[in-house]
């Protein structure tokens, strides 16, 4: 894991109760370059047993409740994050929470589209807006761009790439709600990068690979450890040149 996380005073991870989110918390806390404070969110922390177990072992893990599709829950979480980070502000927000509502052309409905869009596209935007005062506070303390200062990382998907949705990959994953929600998240990332640049807040989107999780399925080639090890290396190495980018977990740029 990148040594840059040692100079990162705080990291907030949404959807940290399972899958990639839980793995991010675990990798950060067990690595040799652990951030000062790890704030992990879960819709119902009481049932997030693995996350609770990690927090019992490591005092720098703070678990807070967050239902990403509830404006009220986002506002409450922002107050809690503010109390945790205080004058240091928030250095790194990882918008990881996401769902996959599988539906092809025959089975897709407006409700399925909107459900996926709310969680995967709208929620990261609203969460970033709510955390912006803390991100700005962190950004005001440092120069340059990266997680040592302030950064918003949106966990997206290669399946959100319009250009790559052709040929074999298009035929295998006819997921209207999921794919369009990730395309929208990519555009939101780019829009936020434009708006947050003046404050020195880096904003980018990263594809974690096809990973063996509840969402990715057991046929996926990557373990959560392999994926997140690479993702954290990429995040730790981000600089001005990566602002507004869409990167593969290997660090290579992906087409929009």
Protein backbone atom coordinates (compact mmCIF):
# COMPACT_ATOMS: atom_id res chain seq x y z
CA UNK A 1 0.00 0.00 0.00
CA UNK A 2 1.16 3.49 -0.80
CA UNK A 3 3.08 5.36 1.89
CA UNK A 4 0.99 8.43 1.00
CA UNK A 5 -1.72 7.14 3.35
CA UNK A 6 0.59 7.89 6.28
CA UNK A 7 0.21 11.61 5.52
CA UNK A 8 -3.55 11.21 5.06
CA UNK A 9 -5.17 12.32 8.30
CA UNK A 10 -8.60 10.83 7.60
CA UNK A 11 -10.40 8.55 5.14
CA UNK A 12 -14.17 8.09 4.87
CA UNK A 13 -15.41 4.92 3.14
CA UNK A 14 -19.10 4.43 2.30
CA UNK A 15 -20.57 0.93 2.10
CA UNK A 16 -17.88 -0.47 4.39
CA UNK A 17 -19.92 -3.34 5.83
CA UNK A 18 -18.98 -5.86 3.10
CA UNK A 19 -17.18 -6.47 -0.17
CA UNK A 20 -14.74 -3.86 -1.43
CA UNK A 21 -15.62 -1.31 1.26
CA UNK A 22 -14.83 -3.72 4.07
CA UNK A 23 -11.63 -4.74 2.29
CA UNK A 24 -10.53 -1.09 2.02
CA UNK A 25 -10.93 -0.69 5.79
CA UNK A 26 -9.10 -3.94 6.47
CA UNK A 27 -6.23 -3.19 4.07
CA UNK A 28 -5.79 0.35 5.41
CA UNK A 29 -5.78 -0.66 9.05
CA UNK A 30 -3.47 -3.65 8.61
CA UNK A 31 -1.01 -1.87 6.31
CA UNK A 32 2.17 -0.21 7.50
CA UNK A 33 0.97 3.22 6.36
CA UNK A 34 -2.35 3.59 8.12
CA UNK A 35 -4.27 6.89 7.91
CA UNK A 36 -4.92 8.74 11.17
CA UNK A 37 -8.67 8.16 11.22
CA UNK A 38 -10.72 5.65 9.26
CA UNK A 39 -14.42 6.48 9.15
CA UNK A 40 -16.47 3.53 7.90
CA UNK A 41 -20.15 3.78 7.09
CA UNK A 42 -22.81 1.08 7.02
CA UNK A 43 -26.58 1.32 6.68
CA UNK A 44 -27.03 -0.73 9.87
CA UNK A 45 -23.73 -0.86 11.81
CA UNK A 46 -25.17 -3.33 14.35
CA UNK A 47 -25.32 -6.06 11.68
CA UNK A 48 -21.88 -5.26 10.21
CA UNK A 49 -20.16 -7.92 12.29
CA UNK A 50 -16.81 -8.02 10.43
CA UNK A 51 -16.52 -4.25 10.54
CA UNK A 52 -17.36 -4.21 14.26
CA UNK A 53 -14.67 -6.84 14.86
CA UNK A 54 -12.07 -4.66 13.11
CA UNK A 55 -13.15 -1.58 15.09
CA UNK A 56 -12.77 -3.48 18.38
CA UNK A 57 -9.15 -4.20 17.47
CA UNK A 58 -8.27 -0.76 16.09
CA UNK A 59 -9.21 2.40 17.95
CA UNK A 60 -8.77 4.63 14.87
CA UNK A 61 -11.78 3.03 13.10
CA UNK A 62 -14.97 5.03 13.59
CA UNK A 63 -18.20 3.37 12.42
CA UNK A 64 -21.13 5.64 11.61
CA UNK A 65 -24.59 4.81 10.22
CA UNK A 66 -25.35 6.01 6.70
CA UNK A 67 -28.20 5.17 4.37
CA UNK A 68 -26.86 6.70 1.15
CA UNK A 69 -30.31 7.24 -0.40
CA UNK A 70 -31.63 9.19 2.62
CA UNK A 71 -30.97 12.95 2.68
CA UNK A 72 -31.63 12.97 6.42
CA UNK A 73 -29.13 10.16 7.01
CA UNK A 74 -26.48 11.95 4.90
CA UNK A 75 -26.97 15.17 6.89
CA UNK A 76 -26.63 13.29 10.21
CA UNK A 77 -23.50 11.48 8.98
CA UNK A 78 -21.93 14.81 7.97
CA UNK A 79 -22.38 16.10 11.53
CA UNK A 80 -20.72 12.95 12.92
CA UNK A 81 -17.83 13.13 10.45
CA UNK A 82 -17.31 16.79 11.37
CA UNK A 83 -17.06 15.85 15.06
CA UNK A 84 -14.53 13.10 14.28
CA UNK A 85 -12.21 15.08 11.96
CA UNK A 86 -12.63 18.48 13.69
CA UNK A 87 -10.23 21.23 12.51
CA UNK A 88 -8.13 18.80 10.44
CA UNK A 89 -10.98 18.31 7.97
CA UNK A 90 -11.52 15.26 5.76
CA UNK A 91 -8.60 14.24 3.53
CA UNK A 92 -10.12 11.43 1.48
CA UNK A 93 -13.71 10.49 0.68
CA UNK A 94 -14.16 7.12 -1.03
CA UNK A 95 -17.68 6.84 -2.46
CA UNK A 96 -17.78 3.05 -2.58
CA UNK A 97 -21.39 2.15 -1.73
CA UNK A 98 -23.18 0.76 -4.77
CA UNK A 99 -25.75 -1.77 -5.92
CA UNK A 100 -26.36 -3.76 -9.08
CA UNK A 101 -29.97 -3.94 -10.19
CA UNK A 102 -29.71 -6.49 -13.00
CA UNK A 103 -32.17 -5.96 -15.85
CA UNK A 104 -31.87 -6.38 -19.61
CA UNK A 105 -33.94 -4.69 -22.32
CA UNK A 106 -36.86 -7.07 -21.74
CA UNK A 107 -36.95 -6.88 -17.94
CA UNK A 108 -35.91 -3.28 -17.27
CA UNK A 109 -38.44 -0.95 -15.64
CA UNK A 110 -38.38 2.73 -14.72
CA UNK A 111 -38.32 1.75 -11.04
CA UNK A 112 -35.23 -0.46 -11.53
CA UNK A 113 -33.45 2.33 -13.41
CA UNK A 114 -34.20 4.92 -10.75
CA UNK A 115 -33.28 2.62 -7.86
CA UNK A 116 -29.83 1.95 -9.32
CA UNK A 117 -29.37 5.59 -10.33
CA UNK A 118 -30.21 6.87 -6.83
CA UNK A 119 -27.65 4.67 -5.07
CA UNK A 120 -24.84 4.68 -7.62
CA UNK A 121 -25.02 8.18 -9.09
CA UNK A 122 -27.09 10.59 -7.01
CA UNK A 123 -25.87 9.38 -3.59
CA UNK A 124 -22.12 9.96 -4.22
CA UNK A 125 -22.93 13.51 -5.40
CA UNK A 126 -25.09 14.27 -2.36
CA UNK A 127 -22.56 12.73 0.05
CA UNK A 128 -19.72 14.77 -1.48
CA UNK A 129 -21.83 17.94 -1.18
CA UNK A 130 -22.49 17.18 2.49
CA UNK A 131 -18.80 16.49 3.22
CA UNK A 132 -17.51 19.49 1.23
CA UNK A 133 -16.95 21.81 4.23
CA UNK A 134 -14.67 19.15 5.79
CA UNK A 135 -12.87 18.51 2.48
CA UNK A 136 -12.29 22.24 2.03
CA UNK A 137 -10.94 22.51 5.57
CA UNK A 138 -8.39 19.77 4.84
CA UNK A 139 -7.49 21.29 1.47
CA UNK A 140 -6.78 24.67 3.06
CA UNK A 141 -4.00 23.12 5.16
CA UNK A 142 -1.85 21.76 2.31
CA UNK A 143 -0.69 22.43 -1.24
CA UNK A 144 -0.55 20.29 -4.39
CA UNK A 145 -3.17 17.65 -5.08
CA UNK A 146 -3.67 14.19 -3.63
CA UNK A 147 -4.83 12.33 -0.54
CA UNK A 148 -2.33 14.24 1.63
CA UNK A 149 -4.55 17.26 0.97
CA UNK A 150 -8.14 16.42 -0.06
CA UNK A 151 -9.55 13.94 -2.57
CA UNK A 152 -12.87 12.46 -3.68
CA UNK A 153 -12.59 8.94 -5.10
CA UNK A 154 -15.63 7.50 -6.85
CA UNK A 155 -15.67 3.73 -7.23
CA UNK A 156 -17.07 3.25 -10.69
CA UNK A 157 -16.93 0.49 -13.29
CA UNK A 158 -15.46 -0.19 -16.69
CA UNK A 159 -19.04 -1.23 -17.53
CA UNK A 160 -19.91 2.47 -17.31
CA UNK A 161 -17.66 3.25 -20.27
CA UNK A 162 -19.77 4.14 -23.31
CA UNK A 163 -16.86 3.52 -25.68
CA UNK A 164 -16.14 0.03 -24.36
CA UNK A 165 -19.79 -1.08 -24.47
CA UNK A 166 -19.49 -2.90 -27.78
CA UNK A 167 -18.70 -6.40 -28.99
CA UNK A 168 -18.29 -9.26 -26.53
CA UNK A 169 -18.36 -7.12 -23.37
CA UNK A 170 -21.66 -5.56 -24.47
CA UNK A 171 -23.28 -8.94 -25.14
CA UNK A 172 -22.24 -10.47 -21.81
CA UNK A 173 -23.46 -7.68 -19.52
CA UNK A 174 -26.79 -6.28 -20.70
CA UNK A 175 -27.34 -4.48 -17.44
CA UNK A 176 -29.28 -1.31 -18.23
CA UNK A 177 -29.68 0.07 -14.67
CA UNK A 178 -26.13 -0.65 -13.50
CA UNK A 179 -24.27 0.40 -16.63
CA UNK A 180 -26.10 3.69 -17.03
CA UNK A 181 -25.77 4.49 -13.32
CA UNK A 182 -22.00 4.11 -13.59
CA UNK A 183 -21.87 6.20 -16.79
CA UNK A 184 -23.75 8.89 -14.87
CA UNK A 185 -21.32 8.58 -11.96
CA UNK A 186 -18.44 9.11 -14.40
CA UNK A 187 -20.03 12.33 -15.65
CA UNK A 188 -20.71 13.45 -12.07
CA UNK A 189 -17.03 12.81 -11.28
CA UNK A 190 -15.94 14.98 -14.19
CA UNK A 191 -18.41 17.75 -13.26
CA UNK A 192 -17.23 17.71 -9.64
CA UNK A 193 -13.60 17.79 -10.77
CA UNK A 194 -14.36 21.05 -12.61
CA UNK A 195 -16.13 22.55 -9.57
CA UNK A 196 -13.70 21.39 -6.86
CA UNK A 197 -10.45 22.22 -8.67
CA UNK A 198 -10.31 25.81 -7.35
CA UNK A 199 -10.37 24.45 -3.78
CA UNK A 200 -7.52 22.05 -4.52
CA UNK A 201 -9.73 18.98 -4.02
CA UNK A 202 -8.73 16.15 -6.35
CA UNK A 203 -11.65 14.24 -7.86
CA UNK A 204 -11.46 11.07 -9.94
CA UNK A 205 -13.17 7.75 -10.77
CA UNK A 206 -11.56 4.33 -10.42
CA UNK A 207 -12.56 0.89 -11.71
CA UNK A 208 -11.64 -1.78 -9.12
CA UNK A 209 -11.67 -4.64 -11.63
CA UNK A 210 -14.03 -7.58 -11.77
CA UNK A 211 -13.91 -8.85 -8.20
CA UNK A 212 -15.25 -11.88 -6.32
CA UNK A 213 -17.86 -10.20 -4.12
CA UNK A 214 -21.61 -10.63 -3.61
CA UNK A 215 -22.06 -8.25 -6.53
CA UNK A 216 -19.24 -9.51 -8.76
CA UNK A 217 -20.01 -13.21 -8.31
CA UNK A 218 -17.67 -16.14 -7.76
CA UNK A 219 -16.52 -16.40 -11.39
CA UNK A 220 -14.73 -13.04 -11.17
CA UNK A 221 -10.94 -13.29 -11.60
CA UNK A 222 -9.84 -10.95 -8.77
CA UNK A 223 -9.99 -11.40 -5.01
CA UNK A 224 -10.97 -8.37 -2.92
CA UNK A 225 -7.41 -8.27 -1.53
CA UNK A 226 -5.83 -8.18 -5.00
CA UNK A 227 -8.20 -5.50 -6.24
CA UNK A 228 -7.96 -3.22 -3.22
CA UNK A 229 -4.18 -3.58 -2.92
CA UNK A 230 -3.88 -2.13 -6.43
CA UNK A 231 -6.67 0.43 -5.94
CA UNK A 232 -5.00 1.82 -2.80
CA UNK A 233 -1.66 2.02 -4.60
CA UNK A 234 -3.29 4.06 -7.37
CA UNK A 235 -5.19 6.31 -4.93
CA UNK A 236 -2.04 6.90 -2.89
CA UNK A 237 -0.11 7.99 -5.98
CA UNK A 238 -2.68 10.45 -7.37
CA UNK A 239 -1.45 13.95 -8.23
CA UNK A 240 -2.68 16.98 -10.22
CA UNK A 241 -2.31 15.04 -13.47
CA UNK A 242 -4.99 12.56 -12.34
CA UNK A 243 -7.59 15.18 -11.49
CA UNK A 244 -10.82 14.43 -13.39
CA UNK A 245 -9.54 11.05 -14.61
CA UNK A 246 -11.13 7.61 -15.05
CA UNK A 247 -8.53 4.99 -14.14
CA UNK A 248 -8.28 1.21 -14.15
CA UNK A 249 -7.16 -0.43 -10.88
CA UNK A 250 -3.80 -0.90 -12.63
CA UNK A 251 -3.49 2.87 -12.94
CA UNK A 252 -4.06 2.98 -16.70
CA UNK A 253 -6.55 5.54 -18.10
CA UNK A 254 -9.89 4.15 -19.30
CA UNK A 255 -11.99 5.60 -22.14
CA UNK A 256 -15.18 7.38 -21.07
